Amino acid sequence: MNILAELLAYACLVSGAFFVIVGAIGVIRMPEFYTRLHAASVTETLGSILVIAGLVLLAGFSLVSVKLLMVLLFILFTSCTAVHALAKAAIHGGLMPETDDDD
């Protein structure tokens, strides 16, 4: 395998892991449900894109990379839908977002 492709793959894997860890810290540190939801959804999507891109680069052109791309496509569709459904359920359940004038 080309050394440049391996370095790019490892850079994608490390940066994807970084975004997943930052998202986990954001879920712990954020003050309310909607900000936690935002921190988890954005970083989870970007982190999964980077991790799967790194794995595809390591796998090369094979059936494994096609399967990884299908998993990525599934994650991209379902994560946005799941976050939207959670937010709608929270609003329907009466959990309103906190604003600056809520004292």
PDB file of N, CA and C in Angstrom:
ATOM      1  N   MET A   1       0.849  -1.184   0.000  1.00  0.00           N
ATOM      2  CA  MET A   1       0.000   0.000   0.000  1.00  0.00           C
ATOM      3  C   MET A   1       0.889   1.240   0.000  1.00  0.00           C
ATOM      4  N   ASN A   2       0.418   2.257  -0.600  1.00  0.00           N
ATOM      5  CA  ASN A   2       1.141   3.511  -0.682  1.00  0.00           C
ATOM      6  C   ASN A   2       1.270   4.137   0.710  1.00  0.00           C
ATOM      7  N   ILE A   3       2.433   4.629   1.041  1.00  0.00           N
ATOM      8  CA  ILE A   3       2.668   5.217   2.357  1.00  0.00           C
ATOM      9  C   ILE A   3       1.843   6.477   2.562  1.00  0.00           C
ATOM     10  N   LEU A   4       1.602   7.228   1.491  1.00  0.00           N
ATOM     11  CA  LEU A   4       0.782   8.432   1.592  1.00  0.00           C
ATOM     12  C   LEU A   4      -0.672   8.088   1.927  1.00  0.00           C
ATOM     13  N   ALA A   5      -1.178   7.030   1.321  1.00  0.00           N
ATOM     14  CA  ALA A   5      -2.550   6.599   1.613  1.00  0.00           C
ATOM     15  C   ALA A   5      -2.672   6.120   3.057  1.00  0.00           C
ATOM     16  N   GLU A   6      -1.649   5.424   3.544  1.00  0.00           N
ATOM     17  CA  GLU A   6      -1.682   4.976   4.935  1.00  0.00           C
ATOM     18  C   GLU A   6      -1.634   6.157   5.893  1.00  0.00           C
ATOM     19  N   LEU A   7      -0.799   7.134   5.610  1.00  0.00           N
ATOM     20  CA  LEU A   7      -0.731   8.306   6.483  1.00  0.00           C
ATOM     21  C   LEU A   7      -2.051   9.078   6.480  1.00  0.00           C
ATOM     22  N   LEU A   8      -2.658   9.204   5.315  1.00  0.00           N
ATOM     23  CA  LEU A   8      -3.948   9.871   5.228  1.00  0.00           C
ATOM     24  C   LEU A   8      -5.027   9.080   5.973  1.00  0.00           C
ATOM     25  N   ALA A   9      -4.971   7.758   5.865  1.00  0.00           N
ATOM     26  CA  ALA A   9      -5.936   6.917   6.569  1.00  0.00           C
ATOM     27  C   ALA A   9      -5.786   7.058   8.076  1.00  0.00           C
ATOM     28  N   TYR A  10      -4.546   7.037   8.566  1.00  0.00           N
ATOM     29  CA  TYR A  10      -4.334   7.178  10.007  1.00  0.00           C
ATOM     30  C   TYR A  10      -4.709   8.575  10.491  1.00  0.00           C
ATOM     31  N   ALA A  11      -4.492   9.585   9.653  1.00  0.00           N
ATOM     32  CA  ALA A  11      -4.910  10.940  10.021  1.00  0.00           C
ATOM     33  C   ALA A  11      -6.433  11.022  10.122  1.00  0.00           C
ATOM     34  N   CYS A  12      -7.131  10.366   9.206  1.00  0.00           N
ATOM     35  CA  CYS A  12      -8.601  10.331   9.275  1.00  0.00           C
ATOM     36  C   CYS A  12      -9.078   9.596  10.519  1.00  0.00           C
ATOM     37  N   LEU A  13      -8.437   8.480  10.837  1.00  0.00           N
ATOM     38  CA  LEU A  13      -8.832   7.713  12.014  1.00  0.00           C
ATOM     39  C   LEU A  13      -8.602   8.497  13.300  1.00  0.00           C
ATOM     40  N   VAL A  14      -7.462   9.145  13.408  1.00  0.00           N
ATOM     41  CA  VAL A  14      -7.160   9.908  14.622  1.00  0.00           C
ATOM     42  C   VAL A  14      -8.078  11.118  14.751  1.00  0.00           C
ATOM     43  N   SER A  15      -8.292  11.830  13.658  1.00  0.00           N
ATOM     44  CA  SER A  15      -9.176  12.995  13.731  1.00  0.00           C
ATOM     45  C   SER A  15     -10.630  12.578  13.982  1.00  0.00           C
ATOM     46  N   GLY A  16     -11.054  11.457  13.431  1.00  0.00           N
ATOM     47  CA  GLY A  16     -12.398  10.958  13.708  1.00  0.00           C
ATOM     48  C   GLY A  16     -12.565  10.569  15.166  1.00  0.00           C
ATOM     49  N   ALA A  17     -11.551   9.915  15.720  1.00  0.00           N
ATOM     50  CA  ALA A  17     -11.598   9.570  17.145  1.00  0.00           C
ATOM     51  C   ALA A  17     -11.614  10.827  18.004  1.00  0.00           C
ATOM     52  N   PHE A  18     -10.871  11.846  17.599  1.00  0.00           N
ATOM     53  CA  PHE A  18     -10.870  13.115  18.324  1.00  0.00           C
ATOM     54  C   PHE A  18     -12.268  13.726  18.355  1.00  0.00           C
ATOM     55  N   PHE A  19     -12.947  13.756  17.216  1.00  0.00           N
ATOM     56  CA  PHE A  19     -14.285  14.346  17.175  1.00  0.00           C
ATOM     57  C   PHE A  19     -15.282  13.539  17.997  1.00  0.00           C
ATOM     58  N   VAL A  20     -15.142  12.229  18.011  1.00  0.00           N
ATOM     59  CA  VAL A  20     -16.045  11.409  18.825  1.00  0.00           C
ATOM     60  C   VAL A  20     -15.812  11.685  20.311  1.00  0.00           C
ATOM     61  N   ILE A  21     -14.555  11.832  20.708  1.00  0.00           N
ATOM     62  CA  ILE A  21     -14.247  12.125  22.114  1.00  0.00           C
ATOM     63  C   ILE A  21     -14.735  13.518  22.496  1.00  0.00           C
ATOM     64  N   VAL A  22     -14.543  14.495  21.615  1.00  0.00           N
ATOM     65  CA  VAL A  22     -15.036  15.844  21.887  1.00  0.00           C
ATOM     66  C   VAL A  22     -16.561  15.839  22.009  1.00  0.00           C
ATOM     67  N   GLY A  23     -17.234  15.058  21.196  1.00  0.00           N
ATOM     68  CA  GLY A  23     -18.686  14.943  21.297  1.00  0.00           C
ATOM     69  C   GLY A  23     -19.125  14.330  22.611  1.00  0.00           C
ATOM     70  N   ALA A  24     -18.394  13.334  23.073  1.00  0.00           N
ATOM     71  CA  ALA A  24     -18.722  12.720  24.360  1.00  0.00           C
ATOM     72  C   ALA A  24     -18.515  13.709  25.501  1.00  0.00           C
ATOM     73  N   ILE A  25     -17.445  14.485  25.431  1.00  0.00           N
ATOM     74  CA  ILE A  25     -17.215  15.509  26.449  1.00  0.00           C
ATOM     75  C   ILE A  25     -18.303  16.580  26.370  1.00  0.00           C
ATOM     76  N   GLY A  26     -18.723  16.931  25.158  1.00  0.00           N
ATOM     77  CA  GLY A  26     -19.796  17.905  24.992  1.00  0.00           C
ATOM     78  C   GLY A  26     -21.106  17.436  25.586  1.00  0.00           C
ATOM     79  N   VAL A  27     -21.384  16.156  25.469  1.00  0.00           N
ATOM     80  CA  VAL A  27     -22.615  15.616  26.056  1.00  0.00           C
ATOM     81  C   VAL A  27     -22.564  15.732  27.577  1.00  0.00           C
ATOM     82  N   ILE A  28     -21.403  15.529  28.144  1.00  0.00           N
ATOM     83  CA  ILE A  28     -21.267  15.624  29.599  1.00  0.00           C
ATOM     84  C   ILE A  28     -21.311  17.077  30.065  1.00  0.00           C
ATOM     85  N   ARG A  29     -20.683  17.980  29.319  1.00  0.00           N
ATOM     86  CA  ARG A  29     -20.504  19.352  29.776  1.00  0.00           C
ATOM     87  C   ARG A  29     -21.656  20.306  29.463  1.00  0.00           C
ATOM     88  N   MET A  30     -22.447  20.006  28.466  1.00  0.00           N
ATOM     89  CA  MET A  30     -23.505  20.937  28.066  1.00  0.00           C
ATOM     90  C   MET A  30     -24.619  20.978  29.101  1.00  0.00           C
ATOM     91  N   PRO A  31     -25.276  22.136  29.241  1.00  0.00           N
ATOM     92  CA  PRO A  31     -26.200  22.318  30.363  1.00  0.00           C
ATOM     93  C   PRO A  31     -27.598  21.728  30.181  1.00  0.00           C
ATOM     94  N   GLU A  32     -28.092  21.595  28.966  1.00  0.00           N
ATOM     95  CA  GLU A  32     -29.473  21.137  28.799  1.00  0.00           C
ATOM     96  C   GLU A  32     -29.601  20.186  27.615  1.00  0.00           C
ATOM     97  N   PHE A  33     -30.767  19.611  27.443  1.00  0.00           N
ATOM     98  CA  PHE A  33     -30.997  18.531  26.497  1.00  0.00           C
ATOM     99  C   PHE A  33     -30.674  18.910  25.060  1.00  0.00           C
ATOM    100  N   TYR A  34     -31.128  20.051  24.603  1.00  0.00           N
ATOM    101  CA  TYR A  34     -30.977  20.407  23.193  1.00  0.00           C
ATOM    102  C   TYR A  34     -29.523  20.702  22.827  1.00  0.00           C
ATOM    103  N   THR A  35     -28.787  21.312  23.725  1.00  0.00           N
ATOM    104  CA  THR A  35     -27.363  21.533  23.438  1.00  0.00           C
ATOM    105  C   THR A  35     -26.591  20.225  23.480  1.00  0.00           C
ATOM    106  N   ARG A  36     -26.970  19.326  24.361  1.00  0.00           N
ATOM    107  CA  ARG A  36     -26.351  17.994  24.386  1.00  0.00           C
ATOM    108  C   ARG A  36     -26.652  17.232  23.100  1.00  0.00           C
ATOM    109  N   LEU A  37     -27.877  17.359  22.648  1.00  0.00           N
ATOM    110  CA  LEU A  37     -28.281  16.698  21.408  1.00  0.00           C
ATOM    111  C   LEU A  37     -27.491  17.228  20.221  1.00  0.00           C
ATOM    112  N   HIS A  38     -27.281  18.525  20.193  1.00  0.00           N
ATOM    113  CA  HIS A  38     -26.512  19.137  19.109  1.00  0.00           C
ATOM    114  C   HIS A  38     -25.053  18.684  19.160  1.00  0.00           C
ATOM    115  N   ALA A  39     -24.470  18.692  20.353  1.00  0.00           N
ATOM    116  CA  ALA A  39     -23.068  18.279  20.490  1.00  0.00           C
ATOM    117  C   ALA A  39     -22.879  16.827  20.067  1.00  0.00           C
ATOM    118  N   ALA A  40     -23.813  15.987  20.429  1.00  0.00           N
ATOM    119  CA  ALA A  40     -23.685  14.567  20.084  1.00  0.00           C
ATOM    120  C   ALA A  40     -23.898  14.328  18.596  1.00  0.00           C
ATOM    121  N   SER A  41     -24.859  14.995  17.998  1.00  0.00           N
ATOM    122  CA  SER A  41     -25.203  14.682  16.612  1.00  0.00           C
ATOM    123  C   SER A  41     -24.159  15.180  15.629  1.00  0.00           C
ATOM    124  N   VAL A  42     -23.679  16.391  15.811  1.00  0.00           N
ATOM    125  CA  VAL A  42     -22.736  16.955  14.856  1.00  0.00           C
ATOM    126  C   VAL A  42     -21.398  16.211  14.905  1.00  0.00           C
ATOM    127  N   THR A  43     -20.884  16.019  16.103  1.00  0.00           N
ATOM    128  CA  THR A  43     -19.576  15.374  16.209  1.00  0.00           C
ATOM    129  C   THR A  43     -19.647  13.885  15.891  1.00  0.00           C
ATOM    130  N   GLU A  44     -20.760  13.255  16.191  1.00  0.00           N
ATOM    131  CA  GLU A  44     -20.902  11.834  15.856  1.00  0.00           C
ATOM    132  C   GLU A  44     -20.911  11.628  14.357  1.00  0.00           C
ATOM    133  N   THR A  45     -21.596  12.498  13.639  1.00  0.00           N
ATOM    134  CA  THR A  45     -21.646  12.374  12.189  1.00  0.00           C
ATOM    135  C   THR A  45     -20.285  12.629  11.561  1.00  0.00           C
ATOM    136  N   LEU A  46     -19.619  13.699  11.964  1.00  0.00           N
ATOM    137  CA  LEU A  46     -18.307  13.999  11.410  1.00  0.00           C
ATOM    138  C   LEU A  46     -17.286  12.946  11.814  1.00  0.00           C
ATOM    139  N   GLY A  47     -17.340  12.503  13.062  1.00  0.00           N
ATOM    140  CA  GLY A  47     -16.410  11.476  13.517  1.00  0.00           C
ATOM    141  C   GLY A  47     -16.596  10.161  12.771  1.00  0.00           C
ATOM    142  N   SER A  48     -17.842   9.773  12.538  1.00  0.00           N
ATOM    143  CA  SER A  48     -18.069   8.521  11.816  1.00  0.00           C
ATOM    144  C   SER A  48     -17.650   8.628  10.355  1.00  0.00           C
ATOM    145  N   ILE A  49     -17.849   9.794   9.744  1.00  0.00           N
ATOM    146  CA  ILE A  49     -17.393   9.990   8.362  1.00  0.00           C
ATOM    147  C   ILE A  49     -15.882   9.828   8.283  1.00  0.00           C
ATOM    148  N   LEU A  50     -15.171  10.461   9.198  1.00  0.00           N
ATOM    149  CA  LEU A  50     -13.712  10.396   9.164  1.00  0.00           C
ATOM    150  C   LEU A  50     -13.188   8.993   9.469  1.00  0.00           C
ATOM    151  N   VAL A  51     -13.778   8.329  10.451  1.00  0.00           N
ATOM    152  CA  VAL A  51     -13.322   6.976  10.794  1.00  0.00           C
ATOM    153  C   VAL A  51     -13.571   6.016   9.635  1.00  0.00           C
ATOM    154  N   ILE A  52     -14.738   6.074   9.045  1.00  0.00           N
ATOM    155  CA  ILE A  52     -15.036   5.168   7.935  1.00  0.00           C
ATOM    156  C   ILE A  52     -14.204   5.518   6.708  1.00  0.00           C
ATOM    157  N   ALA A  53     -13.939   6.804   6.487  1.00  0.00           N
ATOM    158  CA  ALA A  53     -13.061   7.186   5.377  1.00  0.00           C
ATOM    159  C   ALA A  53     -11.656   6.624   5.586  1.00  0.00           C
ATOM    160  N   GLY A  54     -11.173   6.667   6.803  1.00  0.00           N
ATOM    161  CA  GLY A  54      -9.870   6.070   7.100  1.00  0.00           C
ATOM    162  C   GLY A  54      -9.862   4.572   6.885  1.00  0.00           C
ATOM    163  N   LEU A  55     -10.926   3.906   7.288  1.00  0.00           N
ATOM    164  CA  LEU A  55     -11.004   2.460   7.085  1.00  0.00           C
ATOM    165  C   LEU A  55     -11.107   2.099   5.614  1.00  0.00           C
ATOM    166  N   VAL A  56     -11.816   2.912   4.842  1.00  0.00           N
ATOM    167  CA  VAL A  56     -11.915   2.670   3.400  1.00  0.00           C
ATOM    168  C   VAL A  56     -10.541   2.828   2.751  1.00  0.00           C
ATOM    169  N   LEU A  57      -9.794   3.833   3.172  1.00  0.00           N
ATOM    170  CA  LEU A  57      -8.447   4.012   2.629  1.00  0.00           C
ATOM    171  C   LEU A  57      -7.538   2.842   2.971  1.00  0.00           C
ATOM    172  N   LEU A  58      -7.689   2.308   4.168  1.00  0.00           N
ATOM    173  CA  LEU A  58      -6.883   1.156   4.554  1.00  0.00           C
ATOM    174  C   LEU A  58      -7.304  -0.110   3.813  1.00  0.00           C
ATOM    175  N   ALA A  59      -8.597  -0.250   3.523  1.00  0.00           N
ATOM    176  CA  ALA A  59      -9.089  -1.452   2.849  1.00  0.00           C
ATOM    177  C   ALA A  59      -8.763  -1.451   1.360  1.00  0.00           C
ATOM    178  N   GLY A  60      -8.608  -0.271   0.771  1.00  0.00           N
ATOM    179  CA  GLY A  60      -8.352  -0.210  -0.663  1.00  0.00           C
ATOM    180  C   GLY A  60      -9.629  -0.474  -1.448  1.00  0.00           C
ATOM    181  N   PHE A  61      -9.475  -0.768  -2.737  1.00  0.00           N
ATOM    182  CA  PHE A  61     -10.630  -1.071  -3.575  1.00  0.00           C
ATOM    183  C   PHE A  61     -10.987  -2.540  -3.423  1.00  0.00           C
ATOM    184  N   SER A  62     -12.009  -2.804  -2.604  1.00  0.00           N
ATOM    185  CA  SER A  62     -12.434  -4.179  -2.370  1.00  0.00           C
ATOM    186  C   SER A  62     -13.903  -4.181  -1.955  1.00  0.00           C
ATOM    187  N   LEU A  63     -14.399  -5.362  -1.717  1.00  0.00           N
ATOM    188  CA  LEU A  63     -15.775  -5.503  -1.258  1.00  0.00           C
ATOM    189  C   LEU A  63     -15.944  -4.912   0.135  1.00  0.00           C
ATOM    190  N   VAL A  64     -14.904  -4.956   0.936  1.00  0.00           N
ATOM    191  CA  VAL A  64     -14.958  -4.390   2.284  1.00  0.00           C
ATOM    192  C   VAL A  64     -15.204  -2.883   2.224  1.00  0.00           C
ATOM    193  N   SER A  65     -14.532  -2.196   1.304  1.00  0.00           N
ATOM    194  CA  SER A  65     -14.728  -0.750   1.204  1.00  0.00           C
ATOM    195  C   SER A  65     -16.137  -0.411   0.714  1.00  0.00           C
ATOM    196  N   VAL A  66     -16.709  -1.238  -0.140  1.00  0.00           N
ATOM    197  CA  VAL A  66     -18.093  -1.015  -0.579  1.00  0.00           C
ATOM    198  C   VAL A  66     -19.051  -1.180   0.596  1.00  0.00           C
ATOM    199  N   LYS A  67     -18.815  -2.188   1.418  1.00  0.00           N
ATOM    200  CA  LYS A  67     -19.653  -2.391   2.603  1.00  0.00           C
ATOM    201  C   LYS A  67     -19.505  -1.242   3.585  1.00  0.00           C
ATOM    202  N   LEU A  68     -18.285  -0.742   3.765  1.00  0.00           N
ATOM    203  CA  LEU A  68     -18.069   0.393   4.652  1.00  0.00           C
ATOM    204  C   LEU A  68     -18.783   1.643   4.144  1.00  0.00           C
ATOM    205  N   LEU A  69     -18.760   1.859   2.853  1.00  0.00           N
ATOM    206  CA  LEU A  69     -19.469   3.005   2.290  1.00  0.00           C
ATOM    207  C   LEU A  69     -20.981   2.868   2.445  1.00  0.00           C
ATOM    208  N   MET A  70     -21.491   1.650   2.377  1.00  0.00           N
ATOM    209  CA  MET A  70     -22.918   1.435   2.612  1.00  0.00           C
ATOM    210  C   MET A  70     -23.277   1.706   4.075  1.00  0.00           C
ATOM    211  N   VAL A  71     -22.405   1.307   4.989  1.00  0.00           N
ATOM    212  CA  VAL A  71     -22.619   1.610   6.410  1.00  0.00           C
ATOM    213  C   VAL A  71     -22.594   3.119   6.630  1.00  0.00           C
ATOM    214  N   LEU A  72     -21.665   3.801   5.983  1.00  0.00           N
ATOM    215  CA  LEU A  72     -21.594   5.255   6.098  1.00  0.00           C
ATOM    216  C   LEU A  72     -22.864   5.915   5.582  1.00  0.00           C
ATOM    217  N   LEU A  73     -23.364   5.462   4.471  1.00  0.00           N
ATOM    218  CA  LEU A  73     -24.601   6.003   3.924  1.00  0.00           C
ATOM    219  C   LEU A  73     -25.767   5.786   4.891  1.00  0.00           C
ATOM    220  N   PHE A  74     -25.824   4.621   5.492  1.00  0.00           N
ATOM    221  CA  PHE A  74     -26.870   4.325   6.477  1.00  0.00           C
ATOM    222  C   PHE A  74     -26.740   5.250   7.686  1.00  0.00           C
ATOM    223  N   ILE A  75     -25.526   5.461   8.167  1.00  0.00           N
ATOM    224  CA  ILE A  75     -25.313   6.339   9.321  1.00  0.00           C
ATOM    225  C   ILE A  75     -25.720   7.768   8.993  1.00  0.00           C
ATOM    226  N   LEU A  76     -25.378   8.237   7.798  1.00  0.00           N
ATOM    227  CA  LEU A  76     -25.714   9.609   7.426  1.00  0.00           C
ATOM    228  C   LEU A  76     -27.224   9.831   7.366  1.00  0.00           C
ATOM    229  N   PHE A  77     -27.963   8.845   6.877  1.00  0.00           N
ATOM    230  CA  PHE A  77     -29.416   8.991   6.821  1.00  0.00           C
ATOM    231  C   PHE A  77     -30.057   8.866   8.197  1.00  0.00           C
ATOM    232  N   THR A  78     -29.629   7.905   8.981  1.00  0.00           N
ATOM    233  CA  THR A  78     -30.318   7.622  10.236  1.00  0.00           C
ATOM    234  C   THR A  78     -29.950   8.570  11.364  1.00  0.00           C
ATOM    235  N   SER A  79     -28.727   9.085  11.383  1.00  0.00           N
ATOM    236  CA  SER A  79     -28.359   9.947  12.509  1.00  0.00           C
ATOM    237  C   SER A  79     -29.136  11.267  12.456  1.00  0.00           C
ATOM    238  N   CYS A  80     -29.274  11.852  11.299  1.00  0.00           N
ATOM    239  CA  CYS A  80     -30.047  13.100  11.183  1.00  0.00           C
ATOM    240  C   CYS A  80     -31.512  12.866  11.522  1.00  0.00           C
ATOM    241  N   THR A  81     -32.047  11.770  11.056  1.00  0.00           N
ATOM    242  CA  THR A  81     -33.446  11.447  11.323  1.00  0.00           C
ATOM    243  C   THR A  81     -33.679  11.172  12.800  1.00  0.00           C
ATOM    244  N   ALA A  82     -32.757  10.469  13.434  1.00  0.00           N
ATOM    245  CA  ALA A  82     -32.904  10.153  14.853  1.00  0.00           C
ATOM    246  C   ALA A  82     -32.833  11.403  15.716  1.00  0.00           C
ATOM    247  N   VAL A  83     -31.925  12.310  15.404  1.00  0.00           N
ATOM    248  CA  VAL A  83     -31.811  13.543  16.176  1.00  0.00           C
ATOM    249  C   VAL A  83     -33.069  14.393  16.005  1.00  0.00           C
ATOM    250  N   HIS A  84     -33.576  14.456  14.794  1.00  0.00           N
ATOM    251  CA  HIS A  84     -34.805  15.207  14.565  1.00  0.00           C
ATOM    252  C   HIS A  84     -35.974  14.594  15.331  1.00  0.00           C
ATOM    253  N   ALA A  85     -36.058  13.282  15.331  1.00  0.00           N
ATOM    254  CA  ALA A  85     -37.145  12.608  16.056  1.00  0.00           C
ATOM    255  C   ALA A  85     -37.018  12.822  17.566  1.00  0.00           C
ATOM    256  N   LEU A  86     -35.814  12.790  18.087  1.00  0.00           N
ATOM    257  CA  LEU A  86     -35.624  13.046  19.513  1.00  0.00           C
ATOM    258  C   LEU A  86     -36.023  14.471  19.888  1.00  0.00           C
ATOM    259  N   ALA A  87     -35.641  15.436  19.069  1.00  0.00           N
ATOM    260  CA  ALA A  87     -35.993  16.824  19.350  1.00  0.00           C
ATOM    261  C   ALA A  87     -37.504  17.033  19.279  1.00  0.00           C
ATOM    262  N   LYS A  88     -38.135  16.454  18.267  1.00  0.00           N
ATOM    263  CA  LYS A  88     -39.600  16.582  18.148  1.00  0.00           C
ATOM    264  C   LYS A  88     -40.310  15.908  19.320  1.00  0.00           C
ATOM    265  N   ALA A  89     -39.806  14.758  19.765  1.00  0.00           N
ATOM    266  CA  ALA A  89     -40.416  14.073  20.906  1.00  0.00           C
ATOM    267  C   ALA A  89     -40.240  14.879  22.187  1.00  0.00           C
ATOM    268  N   ALA A  90     -39.092  15.515  22.334  1.00  0.00           N
ATOM    269  CA  ALA A  90     -38.867  16.334  23.527  1.00  0.00           C
ATOM    270  C   ALA A  90     -39.788  17.547  23.535  1.00  0.00           C
ATOM    271  N   ILE A  91     -39.962  18.190  22.397  1.00  0.00           N
ATOM    272  CA  ILE A  91     -40.870  19.335  22.330  1.00  0.00           C
ATOM    273  C   ILE A  91     -42.307  18.884  22.564  1.00  0.00           C
ATOM    274  N   HIS A  92     -42.679  17.754  21.981  1.00  0.00           N
ATOM    275  CA  HIS A  92     -44.031  17.216  22.184  1.00  0.00           C
ATOM    276  C   HIS A  92     -44.252  16.838  23.642  1.00  0.00           C
ATOM    277  N   GLY A  93     -43.201  16.395  24.309  1.00  0.00           N
ATOM    278  CA  GLY A  93     -43.302  16.034  25.720  1.00  0.00           C
ATOM    279  C   GLY A  93     -43.277  17.222  26.660  1.00  0.00           C
ATOM    280  N   GLY A  94     -43.095  18.418  26.121  1.00  0.00           N
ATOM    281  CA  GLY A  94     -43.149  19.609  26.953  1.00  0.00           C
ATOM    282  C   GLY A  94     -41.796  20.143  27.387  1.00  0.00           C
ATOM    283  N   LEU A  95     -40.715  19.590  26.908  1.00  0.00           N
ATOM    284  CA  LEU A  95     -39.377  20.072  27.255  1.00  0.00           C
ATOM    285  C   LEU A  95     -38.988  21.167  26.272  1.00  0.00           C
ATOM    286  N   MET A  96     -39.109  22.400  26.692  1.00  0.00           N
ATOM    287  CA  MET A  96     -38.809  23.532  25.828  1.00  0.00           C
ATOM    288  C   MET A  96     -37.341  23.930  25.999  1.00  0.00           C
ATOM    289  N   PRO A  97     -36.732  24.462  24.952  1.00  0.00           N
ATOM    290  CA  PRO A  97     -35.335  24.890  25.055  1.00  0.00           C
ATOM    291  C   PRO A  97     -35.191  26.074  26.022  1.00  0.00           C
ATOM    292  N   GLU A  98     -34.066  26.068  26.748  1.00  0.00           N
ATOM    293  CA  GLU A  98     -33.785  27.193  27.639  1.00  0.00           C
ATOM    294  C   GLU A  98     -33.284  28.362  26.815  1.00  0.00           C
ATOM    295  N   THR A  99     -33.716  29.552  27.162  1.00  0.00           N
ATOM    296  CA  THR A  99     -33.252  30.767  26.487  1.00  0.00           C
ATOM    297  C   THR A  99     -32.640  31.708  27.507  1.00  0.00           C
ATOM    298  N   ASP A 100     -32.067  32.797  27.039  1.00  0.00           N
ATOM    299  CA  ASP A 100     -31.415  33.751  27.937  1.00  0.00           C
ATOM    300  C   ASP A 100     -32.410  34.446  28.865  1.00  0.00           C
ATOM    301  N   ASP A 101     -33.641  34.623  28.411  1.00  0.00           N
ATOM    302  CA  ASP A 101     -34.610  35.300  29.264  1.00  0.00           C
ATOM    303  C   ASP A 101     -35.306  34.353  30.239  1.00  0.00           C
ATOM    304  N   ASP A 102     -34.917  33.061  30.269  1.00  0.00           N
ATOM    305  CA  ASP A 102     -35.415  32.120  31.271  1.00  0.00           C
ATOM    306  C   ASP A 102     -34.548  32.258  32.526  1.00  0.00           C
ATOM    307  N   ASP A 103     -35.030  33.014  33.518  1.00  0.00           N
ATOM    308  CA  ASP A 103     -34.247  33.178  34.740  1.00  0.00           C
ATOM    309  C   ASP A 103     -34.934  32.599  35.932  1.00  0.00           C
TER     310      ASP A 103
END
